[in-house]
Amino acid sequence: NMEAAEVLEIAARGEDGKHQFKENATNAQSLSEELVAFSNLGGGRLLIGLDDSGTVLGLNSDEVRRLNQLISNVSTQNVHH
């Protein structure tokens, strides 16, 4: 798990090849493309709940549960090696 200080440090540096920010994720195809791109580049972190400028917007508990399910579904159904 990432600590809050680490998230804030990454947010302050901004997006780069290893760190991408999304306010939220609802599109399975788009999310699977992000995950595959990171995989092809040797890894990375997708931080959901931050806008493009690195401002922490956060997610409520319902959004976290929905995202956990979406990520699980995308990982098993859309991402193949």
PDB file of N, CA and C in Angstrom:
ATOM      1  N   ASN A   1       0.822  -1.195   0.000  1.00  0.00           N
ATOM      2  CA  ASN A   1       0.000   0.000   0.000  1.00  0.00           C
ATOM      3  C   ASN A   1       0.859   1.248   0.000  1.00  0.00           C
ATOM      4  N   MET A   2       0.395   2.249  -0.704  1.00  0.00           N
ATOM      5  CA  MET A   2       1.096   3.522  -0.727  1.00  0.00           C
ATOM      6  C   MET A   2       0.649   4.363   0.461  1.00  0.00           C
ATOM      7  N   GLU A   3       1.593   5.063   1.029  1.00  0.00           N
ATOM      8  CA  GLU A   3       1.283   6.006   2.093  1.00  0.00           C
ATOM      9  C   GLU A   3       0.830   7.313   1.470  1.00  0.00           C
ATOM     10  N   ALA A   4       0.065   8.093   2.223  1.00  0.00           N
ATOM     11  CA  ALA A   4      -0.442   9.375   1.729  1.00  0.00           C
ATOM     12  C   ALA A   4       0.698  10.283   1.288  1.00  0.00           C
ATOM     13  N   ALA A   5       1.793  10.297   2.026  1.00  0.00           N
ATOM     14  CA  ALA A   5       2.931  11.151   1.675  1.00  0.00           C
ATOM     15  C   ALA A   5       3.502  10.781   0.310  1.00  0.00           C
ATOM     16  N   GLU A   6       3.544   9.484   0.006  1.00  0.00           N
ATOM     17  CA  GLU A   6       4.056   9.047  -1.291  1.00  0.00           C
ATOM     18  C   GLU A   6       3.125   9.489  -2.421  1.00  0.00           C
ATOM     19  N   VAL A   7       1.819   9.384  -2.215  1.00  0.00           N
ATOM     20  CA  VAL A   7       0.851   9.845  -3.227  1.00  0.00           C
ATOM     21  C   VAL A   7       1.038  11.332  -3.473  1.00  0.00           C
ATOM     22  N   LEU A   8       1.168  12.114  -2.413  1.00  0.00           N
ATOM     23  CA  LEU A   8       1.344  13.564  -2.556  1.00  0.00           C
ATOM     24  C   LEU A   8       2.651  13.900  -3.261  1.00  0.00           C
ATOM     25  N   GLU A   9       3.697  13.145  -2.985  1.00  0.00           N
ATOM     26  CA  GLU A   9       4.985  13.373  -3.652  1.00  0.00           C
ATOM     27  C   GLU A   9       4.873  13.100  -5.151  1.00  0.00           C
ATOM     28  N   ILE A  10       4.240  11.985  -5.511  1.00  0.00           N
ATOM     29  CA  ILE A  10       4.039  11.650  -6.924  1.00  0.00           C
ATOM     30  C   ILE A  10       3.158  12.697  -7.591  1.00  0.00           C
ATOM     31  N   ALA A  11       2.088  13.108  -6.910  1.00  0.00           N
ATOM     32  CA  ALA A  11       1.176  14.117  -7.460  1.00  0.00           C
ATOM     33  C   ALA A  11       1.915  15.427  -7.719  1.00  0.00           C
ATOM     34  N   ALA A  12       2.811  15.802  -6.818  1.00  0.00           N
ATOM     35  CA  ALA A  12       3.559  17.055  -6.980  1.00  0.00           C
ATOM     36  C   ALA A  12       4.506  16.995  -8.177  1.00  0.00           C
ATOM     37  N   ARG A  13       5.052  15.811  -8.475  1.00  0.00           N
ATOM     38  CA  ARG A  13       5.958  15.662  -9.623  1.00  0.00           C
ATOM     39  C   ARG A  13       5.197  15.661 -10.940  1.00  0.00           C
ATOM     40  N   GLY A  14       3.952  15.211 -10.921  1.00  0.00           N
ATOM     41  CA  GLY A  14       3.135  15.164 -12.128  1.00  0.00           C
ATOM     42  C   GLY A  14       3.257  13.835 -12.852  1.00  0.00           C
ATOM     43  N   GLU A  15       2.477  13.713 -13.908  1.00  0.00           N
ATOM     44  CA  GLU A  15       2.454  12.487 -14.689  1.00  0.00           C
ATOM     45  C   GLU A  15       3.775  12.313 -15.438  1.00  0.00           C
ATOM     46  N   ASP A  16       4.167  11.064 -15.607  1.00  0.00           N
ATOM     47  CA  ASP A  16       5.325  10.725 -16.424  1.00  0.00           C
ATOM     48  C   ASP A  16       5.086   9.327 -16.981  1.00  0.00           C
ATOM     49  N   GLY A  17       6.096   8.717 -17.551  1.00  0.00           N
ATOM     50  CA  GLY A  17       5.935   7.403 -18.163  1.00  0.00           C
ATOM     51  C   GLY A  17       5.582   6.303 -17.185  1.00  0.00           C
ATOM     52  N   LYS A  18       5.851   6.506 -15.906  1.00  0.00           N
ATOM     53  CA  LYS A  18       5.591   5.489 -14.890  1.00  0.00           C
ATOM     54  C   LYS A  18       4.408   5.828 -13.984  1.00  0.00           C
ATOM     55  N   HIS A  19       3.865   7.027 -14.113  1.00  0.00           N
ATOM     56  CA  HIS A  19       2.764   7.466 -13.244  1.00  0.00           C
ATOM     57  C   HIS A  19       1.741   8.224 -14.078  1.00  0.00           C
ATOM     58  N   GLN A  20       0.527   7.717 -14.085  1.00  0.00           N
ATOM     59  CA  GLN A  20      -0.560   8.379 -14.792  1.00  0.00           C
ATOM     60  C   GLN A  20      -1.695   8.630 -13.805  1.00  0.00           C
ATOM     61  N   PHE A  21      -2.393   9.751 -13.986  1.00  0.00           N
ATOM     62  CA  PHE A  21      -3.482  10.133 -13.095  1.00  0.00           C
ATOM     63  C   PHE A  21      -4.804  10.052 -13.838  1.00  0.00           C
ATOM     64  N   LYS A  22      -5.833   9.599 -13.142  1.00  0.00           N
ATOM     65  CA  LYS A  22      -7.201   9.598 -13.673  1.00  0.00           C
ATOM     66  C   LYS A  22      -8.126  10.075 -12.562  1.00  0.00           C
ATOM     67  N   GLU A  23      -9.041  10.948 -12.919  1.00  0.00           N
ATOM     68  CA  GLU A  23     -10.026  11.402 -11.925  1.00  0.00           C
ATOM     69  C   GLU A  23     -10.883  10.235 -11.467  1.00  0.00           C
ATOM     70  N   ASN A  24     -11.252   9.388 -12.421  1.00  0.00           N
ATOM     71  CA  ASN A  24     -12.077   8.223 -12.145  1.00  0.00           C
ATOM     72  C   ASN A  24     -11.911   7.267 -13.314  1.00  0.00           C
ATOM     73  N   ALA A  25     -12.408   6.082 -13.215  1.00  0.00           N
ATOM     74  CA  ALA A  25     -12.329   5.115 -14.305  1.00  0.00           C
ATOM     75  C   ALA A  25     -13.677   4.424 -14.419  1.00  0.00           C
ATOM     76  N   THR A  26     -14.255   4.493 -15.615  1.00  0.00           N
ATOM     77  CA  THR A  26     -15.533   3.837 -15.857  1.00  0.00           C
ATOM     78  C   THR A  26     -15.488   2.968 -17.105  1.00  0.00           C
ATOM     79  N   ASN A  27     -14.547   3.236 -18.000  1.00  0.00           N
ATOM     80  CA  ASN A  27     -14.488   2.549 -19.280  1.00  0.00           C
ATOM     81  C   ASN A  27     -13.502   1.385 -19.202  1.00  0.00           C
ATOM     82  N   ALA A  28     -14.019   0.159 -19.306  1.00  0.00           N
ATOM     83  CA  ALA A  28     -13.184  -1.031 -19.194  1.00  0.00           C
ATOM     84  C   ALA A  28     -12.117  -1.074 -20.280  1.00  0.00           C
ATOM     85  N   GLN A  29     -12.463  -0.708 -21.498  1.00  0.00           N
ATOM     86  CA  GLN A  29     -11.503  -0.756 -22.610  1.00  0.00           C
ATOM     87  C   GLN A  29     -10.349   0.220 -22.359  1.00  0.00           C
ATOM     88  N   SER A  30     -10.662   1.427 -21.964  1.00  0.00           N
ATOM     89  CA  SER A  30      -9.638   2.427 -21.686  1.00  0.00           C
ATOM     90  C   SER A  30      -8.729   1.991 -20.534  1.00  0.00           C
ATOM     91  N   LEU A  31      -9.327   1.443 -19.492  1.00  0.00           N
ATOM     92  CA  LEU A  31      -8.555   0.988 -18.349  1.00  0.00           C
ATOM     93  C   LEU A  31      -7.643  -0.169 -18.744  1.00  0.00           C
ATOM     94  N   SER A  32      -8.145  -1.103 -19.539  1.00  0.00           N
ATOM     95  CA  SER A  32      -7.309  -2.231 -19.954  1.00  0.00           C
ATOM     96  C   SER A  32      -6.147  -1.750 -20.820  1.00  0.00           C
ATOM     97  N   GLU A  33      -6.361  -0.746 -21.667  1.00  0.00           N
ATOM     98  CA  GLU A  33      -5.283  -0.195 -22.489  1.00  0.00           C
ATOM     99  C   GLU A  33      -4.201   0.433 -21.612  1.00  0.00           C
ATOM    100  N   GLU A  34      -4.607   1.142 -20.549  1.00  0.00           N
ATOM    101  CA  GLU A  34      -3.637   1.728 -19.618  1.00  0.00           C
ATOM    102  C   GLU A  34      -2.814   0.635 -18.949  1.00  0.00           C
ATOM    103  N   LEU A  35      -3.469  -0.420 -18.481  1.00  0.00           N
ATOM    104  CA  LEU A  35      -2.772  -1.498 -17.790  1.00  0.00           C
ATOM    105  C   LEU A  35      -1.798  -2.219 -18.719  1.00  0.00           C
ATOM    106  N   VAL A  36      -2.220  -2.470 -19.950  1.00  0.00           N
ATOM    107  CA  VAL A  36      -1.346  -3.139 -20.914  1.00  0.00           C
ATOM    108  C   VAL A  36      -0.152  -2.250 -21.264  1.00  0.00           C
ATOM    109  N   ALA A  37      -0.381  -0.961 -21.417  1.00  0.00           N
ATOM    110  CA  ALA A  37       0.728  -0.042 -21.712  1.00  0.00           C
ATOM    111  C   ALA A  37       1.766  -0.083 -20.596  1.00  0.00           C
ATOM    112  N   PHE A  38       1.323  -0.052 -19.344  1.00  0.00           N
ATOM    113  CA  PHE A  38       2.265  -0.145 -18.229  1.00  0.00           C
ATOM    114  C   PHE A  38       3.000  -1.481 -18.262  1.00  0.00           C
ATOM    115  N   SER A  39       2.277  -2.538 -18.526  1.00  0.00           N
ATOM    116  CA  SER A  39       2.893  -3.861 -18.578  1.00  0.00           C
ATOM    117  C   SER A  39       3.973  -3.913 -19.652  1.00  0.00           C
ATOM    118  N   ASN A  40       3.676  -3.363 -20.810  1.00  0.00           N
ATOM    119  CA  ASN A  40       4.632  -3.371 -21.915  1.00  0.00           C
ATOM    120  C   ASN A  40       5.859  -2.516 -21.634  1.00  0.00           C
ATOM    121  N   LEU A  41       5.715  -1.527 -20.771  1.00  0.00           N
ATOM    122  CA  LEU A  41       6.839  -0.641 -20.433  1.00  0.00           C
ATOM    123  C   LEU A  41       7.578  -1.094 -19.175  1.00  0.00           C
ATOM    124  N   GLY A  42       7.192  -2.225 -18.620  1.00  0.00           N
ATOM    125  CA  GLY A  42       7.882  -2.737 -17.449  1.00  0.00           C
ATOM    126  C   GLY A  42       7.306  -2.290 -16.126  1.00  0.00           C
ATOM    127  N   GLY A  43       6.095  -1.745 -16.143  1.00  0.00           N
ATOM    128  CA  GLY A  43       5.432  -1.387 -14.888  1.00  0.00           C
ATOM    129  C   GLY A  43       5.118   0.087 -14.800  1.00  0.00           C
ATOM    130  N   GLY A  44       4.343   0.418 -13.814  1.00  0.00           N
ATOM    131  CA  GLY A  44       3.944   1.793 -13.579  1.00  0.00           C
ATOM    132  C   GLY A  44       2.796   1.831 -12.599  1.00  0.00           C
ATOM    133  N   ARG A  45       2.353   3.030 -12.321  1.00  0.00           N
ATOM    134  CA  ARG A  45       1.256   3.213 -11.372  1.00  0.00           C
ATOM    135  C   ARG A  45       0.188   4.107 -11.994  1.00  0.00           C
ATOM    136  N   LEU A  46      -1.027   3.652 -11.888  1.00  0.00           N
ATOM    137  CA  LEU A  46      -2.184   4.426 -12.302  1.00  0.00           C
ATOM    138  C   LEU A  46      -2.859   4.897 -11.023  1.00  0.00           C
ATOM    139  N   LEU A  47      -2.820   6.190 -10.786  1.00  0.00           N
ATOM    140  CA  LEU A  47      -3.403   6.747  -9.572  1.00  0.00           C
ATOM    141  C   LEU A  47      -4.778   7.299  -9.916  1.00  0.00           C
ATOM    142  N   ILE A  48      -5.810   6.678  -9.379  1.00  0.00           N
ATOM    143  CA  ILE A  48      -7.186   7.080  -9.647  1.00  0.00           C
ATOM    144  C   ILE A  48      -7.664   7.919  -8.469  1.00  0.00           C
ATOM    145  N   GLY A  49      -8.238   9.082  -8.798  1.00  0.00           N
ATOM    146  CA  GLY A  49      -8.680  10.018  -7.770  1.00  0.00           C
ATOM    147  C   GLY A  49      -7.847  11.282  -7.783  1.00  0.00           C
ATOM    148  N   LEU A  50      -7.004  11.432  -8.822  1.00  0.00           N
ATOM    149  CA  LEU A  50      -6.210  12.641  -9.030  1.00  0.00           C
ATOM    150  C   LEU A  50      -6.551  13.195 -10.403  1.00  0.00           C
ATOM    151  N   ASP A  51      -6.629  14.516 -10.522  1.00  0.00           N
ATOM    152  CA  ASP A  51      -6.845  15.071 -11.850  1.00  0.00           C
ATOM    153  C   ASP A  51      -5.499  15.224 -12.559  1.00  0.00           C
ATOM    154  N   ASP A  52      -5.512  15.680 -13.824  1.00  0.00           N
ATOM    155  CA  ASP A  52      -4.295  15.755 -14.625  1.00  0.00           C
ATOM    156  C   ASP A  52      -3.227  16.651 -14.013  1.00  0.00           C
ATOM    157  N   SER A  53      -3.635  17.620 -13.210  1.00  0.00           N
ATOM    158  CA  SER A  53      -2.656  18.522 -12.589  1.00  0.00           C
ATOM    159  C   SER A  53      -2.072  17.939 -11.309  1.00  0.00           C
ATOM    160  N   GLY A  54      -2.586  16.788 -10.859  1.00  0.00           N
ATOM    161  CA  GLY A  54      -2.090  16.164  -9.644  1.00  0.00           C
ATOM    162  C   GLY A  54      -2.872  16.532  -8.404  1.00  0.00           C
ATOM    163  N   THR A  55      -3.964  17.258  -8.579  1.00  0.00           N
ATOM    164  CA  THR A  55      -4.810  17.600  -7.439  1.00  0.00           C
ATOM    165  C   THR A  55      -5.540  16.344  -6.964  1.00  0.00           C
ATOM    166  N   VAL A  56      -5.451  16.079  -5.669  1.00  0.00           N
ATOM    167  CA  VAL A  56      -6.105  14.901  -5.107  1.00  0.00           C
ATOM    168  C   VAL A  56      -7.591  15.191  -4.951  1.00  0.00           C
ATOM    169  N   LEU A  57      -8.404  14.440  -5.683  1.00  0.00           N
ATOM    170  CA  LEU A  57      -9.856  14.585  -5.617  1.00  0.00           C
ATOM    171  C   LEU A  57     -10.461  13.553  -4.672  1.00  0.00           C
ATOM    172  N   GLY A  58      -9.831  12.401  -4.598  1.00  0.00           N
ATOM    173  CA  GLY A  58     -10.299  11.336  -3.729  1.00  0.00           C
ATOM    174  C   GLY A  58     -11.460  10.565  -4.332  1.00  0.00           C
ATOM    175  N   LEU A  59     -11.805   9.493  -3.659  1.00  0.00           N
ATOM    176  CA  LEU A  59     -12.907   8.625  -4.059  1.00  0.00           C
ATOM    177  C   LEU A  59     -13.662   8.227  -2.805  1.00  0.00           C
ATOM    178  N   ASN A  60     -14.982   8.103  -2.926  1.00  0.00           N
ATOM    179  CA  ASN A  60     -15.736   7.632  -1.765  1.00  0.00           C
ATOM    180  C   ASN A  60     -15.712   6.103  -1.737  1.00  0.00           C
ATOM    181  N   SER A  61     -16.197   5.525  -0.674  1.00  0.00           N
ATOM    182  CA  SER A  61     -16.106   4.069  -0.496  1.00  0.00           C
ATOM    183  C   SER A  61     -16.870   3.302  -1.573  1.00  0.00           C
ATOM    184  N   ASP A  62     -17.998   3.838  -2.050  1.00  0.00           N
ATOM    185  CA  ASP A  62     -18.730   3.177  -3.136  1.00  0.00           C
ATOM    186  C   ASP A  62     -17.910   3.168  -4.416  1.00  0.00           C
ATOM    187  N   GLU A  63     -17.228   4.289  -4.709  1.00  0.00           N
ATOM    188  CA  GLU A  63     -16.388   4.350  -5.902  1.00  0.00           C
ATOM    189  C   GLU A  63     -15.213   3.379  -5.791  1.00  0.00           C
ATOM    190  N   VAL A  64     -14.633   3.258  -4.615  1.00  0.00           N
ATOM    191  CA  VAL A  64     -13.522   2.330  -4.419  1.00  0.00           C
ATOM    192  C   VAL A  64     -13.985   0.899  -4.652  1.00  0.00           C
ATOM    193  N   ARG A  65     -15.138   0.519  -4.117  1.00  0.00           N
ATOM    194  CA  ARG A  65     -15.668  -0.829  -4.339  1.00  0.00           C
ATOM    195  C   ARG A  65     -15.934  -1.072  -5.825  1.00  0.00           C
ATOM    196  N   ARG A  66     -16.537  -0.090  -6.500  1.00  0.00           N
ATOM    197  CA  ARG A  66     -16.819  -0.230  -7.933  1.00  0.00           C
ATOM    198  C   ARG A  66     -15.519  -0.369  -8.719  1.00  0.00           C
ATOM    199  N   LEU A  67     -14.510   0.438  -8.379  1.00  0.00           N
ATOM    200  CA  LEU A  67     -13.225   0.372  -9.081  1.00  0.00           C
ATOM    201  C   LEU A  67     -12.515  -0.950  -8.835  1.00  0.00           C
ATOM    202  N   ASN A  68     -12.561  -1.455  -7.616  1.00  0.00           N
ATOM    203  CA  ASN A  68     -11.959  -2.760  -7.336  1.00  0.00           C
ATOM    204  C   ASN A  68     -12.582  -3.833  -8.215  1.00  0.00           C
ATOM    205  N   GLN A  69     -13.892  -3.797  -8.373  1.00  0.00           N
ATOM    206  CA  GLN A  69     -14.584  -4.762  -9.220  1.00  0.00           C
ATOM    207  C   GLN A  69     -14.215  -4.564 -10.684  1.00  0.00           C
ATOM    208  N   LEU A  70     -14.183  -3.311 -11.133  1.00  0.00           N
ATOM    209  CA  LEU A  70     -13.829  -3.011 -12.517  1.00  0.00           C
ATOM    210  C   LEU A  70     -12.412  -3.482 -12.826  1.00  0.00           C
ATOM    211  N   ILE A  71     -11.471  -3.195 -11.949  1.00  0.00           N
ATOM    212  CA  ILE A  71     -10.083  -3.599 -12.168  1.00  0.00           C
ATOM    213  C   ILE A  71      -9.974  -5.116 -12.202  1.00  0.00           C
ATOM    214  N   SER A  72     -10.669  -5.781 -11.313  1.00  0.00           N
ATOM    215  CA  SER A  72     -10.660  -7.248 -11.305  1.00  0.00           C
ATOM    216  C   SER A  72     -11.217  -7.801 -12.612  1.00  0.00           C
ATOM    217  N   ASN A  73     -12.353  -7.261 -13.053  1.00  0.00           N
ATOM    218  CA  ASN A  73     -12.966  -7.715 -14.302  1.00  0.00           C
ATOM    219  C   ASN A  73     -12.063  -7.452 -15.497  1.00  0.00           C
ATOM    220  N   VAL A  74     -11.513  -6.251 -15.572  1.00  0.00           N
ATOM    221  CA  VAL A  74     -10.650  -5.877 -16.692  1.00  0.00           C
ATOM    222  C   VAL A  74      -9.421  -6.779 -16.724  1.00  0.00           C
ATOM    223  N   SER A  75      -8.838  -7.028 -15.567  1.00  0.00           N
ATOM    224  CA  SER A  75      -7.626  -7.829 -15.497  1.00  0.00           C
ATOM    225  C   SER A  75      -7.861  -9.261 -15.967  1.00  0.00           C
ATOM    226  N   THR A  76      -9.002  -9.822 -15.642  1.00  0.00           N
ATOM    227  CA  THR A  76      -9.256 -11.208 -16.023  1.00  0.00           C
ATOM    228  C   THR A  76      -9.851 -11.344 -17.419  1.00  0.00           C
ATOM    229  N   GLN A  77     -10.586 -10.352 -17.883  1.00  0.00           N
ATOM    230  CA  GLN A  77     -11.303 -10.472 -19.150  1.00  0.00           C
ATOM    231  C   GLN A  77     -10.607  -9.785 -20.326  1.00  0.00           C
ATOM    232  N   ASN A  78      -9.881  -8.703 -20.071  1.00  0.00           N
ATOM    233  CA  ASN A  78      -9.363  -7.898 -21.177  1.00  0.00           C
ATOM    234  C   ASN A  78      -7.847  -7.926 -21.321  1.00  0.00           C
ATOM    235  N   VAL A  79      -7.137  -8.327 -20.285  1.00  0.00           N
ATOM    236  CA  VAL A  79      -5.680  -8.276 -20.318  1.00  0.00           C
ATOM    237  C   VAL A  79      -5.152  -9.705 -20.395  1.00  0.00           C
ATOM    238  N   HIS A  80      -4.424  -9.992 -21.469  1.00  0.00           N
ATOM    239  CA  HIS A  80      -3.873 -11.331 -21.692  1.00  0.00           C
ATOM    240  C   HIS A  80      -2.388 -11.201 -21.945  1.00  0.00           C
ATOM    241  N   HIS A  81      -1.645 -12.212 -21.557  1.00  0.00           N
ATOM    242  CA  HIS A  81      -0.196 -12.196 -21.809  1.00  0.00           C
ATOM    243  C   HIS A  81       0.199 -13.301 -22.728  1.00  0.00           C
TER     244      HIS A  81
END
